[in-house]
C-alpha atoms as a PDB file:
ATOM      1  CA  MET A   1      21.745 -18.687   7.092  1.00  0.00           C
ATOM      2  CA  SER A   2      20.690 -16.844   3.957  1.00  0.00           C
ATOM      3  CA  GLU A   3      21.513 -13.464   3.374  1.00  0.00           C
ATOM      4  CA  LEU A   4      19.102 -11.128   3.710  1.00  0.00           C
ATOM      5  CA  LYS A   5      17.867  -8.741   0.923  1.00  0.00           C
ATOM      6  CA  PRO A   6      17.259  -4.635   0.922  1.00  0.00           C
ATOM      7  CA  ASN A   7      13.803  -3.659   0.305  1.00  0.00           C
ATOM      8  CA  THR A   8      14.699  -2.092  -2.587  1.00  0.00           C
ATOM      9  CA  GLU A   9      13.973  -4.427  -5.768  1.00  0.00           C
ATOM     10  CA  ARG A  10      10.541  -3.304  -6.972  1.00  0.00           C
ATOM     11  CA  GLN A  11       9.832  -6.428  -8.646  1.00  0.00           C
ATOM     12  CA  ILE A  12      10.089  -9.456  -7.398  1.00  0.00           C
ATOM     13  CA  ASP A  13       9.495 -13.010  -9.318  1.00  0.00           C
ATOM     14  CA  ILE A  14       8.027 -15.843  -6.659  1.00  0.00           C
ATOM     15  CA  ALA A  15       7.013 -19.426  -6.524  1.00  0.00           C
ATOM     16  CA  ALA A  16       4.343 -21.242  -5.314  1.00  0.00           C
ATOM     17  CA  THR A  17       6.420 -22.656  -2.256  1.00  0.00           C
ATOM     18  CA  ASP A  18       6.251 -18.438  -1.290  1.00  0.00           C
ATOM     19  CA  LEU A  19       2.660 -18.613  -0.529  1.00  0.00           C
ATOM     20  CA  PRO A  20       0.619 -17.474   0.943  1.00  0.00           C
ATOM     21  CA  LEU A  21       2.649 -14.032  -0.056  1.00  0.00           C
ATOM     22  CA  ALA A  22       3.257 -11.704   2.343  1.00  0.00           C
ATOM     23  CA  CYS A  23       5.414  -8.287   1.808  1.00  0.00           C
ATOM     24  CA  PRO A  24       8.207  -7.957   3.106  1.00  0.00           C
ATOM     25  CA  MET A  25       9.199 -11.096   2.580  1.00  0.00           C
ATOM     26  CA  PRO A  26      11.020 -13.102   5.091  1.00  0.00           C
ATOM     27  CA  ASP A  27      14.172 -12.947   3.480  1.00  0.00           C
ATOM     28  CA  MET A  28      14.029  -8.677   3.838  1.00  0.00           C
ATOM     29  CA  LEU A  29      15.636  -6.277   6.071  1.00  0.00           C
ATOM     30  CA  LYS A  30      13.493  -5.567   8.807  1.00  0.00           C
ATOM     31  CA  TRP A  31      14.781  -2.156  10.064  1.00  0.00           C
ATOM     32  CA  ASN A  32      13.007  -0.308   7.185  1.00  0.00           C
ATOM     33  CA  ALA A  33      10.056  -2.475   6.287  1.00  0.00           C
ATOM     34  CA  HIS A  34       6.356  -1.329   6.849  1.00  0.00           C
ATOM     35  CA  PRO A  35       3.847  -3.649   8.712  1.00  0.00           C
ATOM     36  CA  ARG A  36       3.162  -7.276   6.865  1.00  0.00           C
ATOM     37  CA  VAL A  37       0.600  -7.275   4.460  1.00  0.00           C
ATOM     38  CA  TYR A  38      -0.702 -10.686   3.050  1.00  0.00           C
ATOM     39  CA  LEU A  39      -1.258 -10.050  -0.651  1.00  0.00           C
ATOM     40  CA  GLN A  40      -3.796 -11.936  -3.242  1.00  0.00           C
ATOM     41  CA  LEU A  41      -2.538 -12.747  -6.312  1.00  0.00           C
ATOM     42  CA  ASP A  42      -4.533 -11.566  -9.525  1.00  0.00           C
ATOM     43  CA  GLU A  43      -5.590 -14.034 -12.686  1.00  0.00           C
ATOM     44  CA  HIS A  44      -1.862 -13.298 -14.116  1.00  0.00           C
ATOM     45  CA  GLY A  45      -0.073 -14.023 -11.290  1.00  0.00           C
ATOM     46  CA  ALA A  46       0.931 -10.846  -9.873  1.00  0.00           C
ATOM     47  CA  ALA A  47       0.391  -8.921  -7.068  1.00  0.00           C
ATOM     48  CA  ARG A  48       1.110  -5.320  -5.594  1.00  0.00           C
ATOM     49  CA  CYS A  49       2.003  -4.092  -2.387  1.00  0.00           C
ATOM     50  CA  PRO A  50      -0.071  -0.941  -1.501  1.00  0.00           C
ATOM     51  CA  TYR A  51       2.860   0.008   1.068  1.00  0.00           C
ATOM     52  CA  CYS A  52       5.878   0.287  -1.229  1.00  0.00           C
ATOM     53  CA  SER A  53       4.631  -0.738  -4.615  1.00  0.00           C
ATOM     54  CA  THR A  54       6.952  -3.788  -5.315  1.00  0.00           C
ATOM     55  CA  ARG A  55       5.343  -5.790  -7.743  1.00  0.00           C
ATOM     56  CA  TYR A  56       5.327  -9.981  -7.154  1.00  0.00           C
ATOM     57  CA  GLN A  57       4.715 -12.148 -10.253  1.00  0.00           C
ATOM     58  CA  LEU A  58       4.204 -15.786  -9.743  1.00  0.00           C
ATOM     59  CA  LYS A  59       6.672 -18.175 -12.153  1.00  0.00           C
ATOM     60  CA  GLY A  60       6.079 -21.299 -12.869  1.00  0.00           C
ATOM     61  CA  ASP A  61       2.740 -23.038 -12.051  1.00  0.00           C
ATOM     62  CA  LYS A  62      -0.204 -21.618 -10.109  1.00  0.00           C
ATOM     63  CA  PRO A  63      -0.823 -23.836  -6.876  1.00  0.00           C
ATOM     64  CA  GLY A  64      -4.138 -26.016  -6.897  1.00  0.00           C
ATOM     65  CA  GLY A  65      -7.186 -24.935  -5.062  1.00  0.00           C
ATOM     66  CA  HIS A  66      -9.040 -26.499  -2.716  1.00  0.00           C
ATOM     67  CA  HIS A  67     -12.492 -28.634  -3.113  1.00  0.00           C
END
């Protein structure tokens, strides 16, 4: 089992495997978490949570879209 992370990081690097992106992420502690919100990445592969202001940055290739 992986170790849970505190909800105190202000920038988190994510990979395509983390999509769809929701904050708080599954490996974060739940006792002090805000309601789950799904985030959409901008054109730079970044998103900011409106609850906790954590910034997420996609590292690596963006996933392909649907036709």
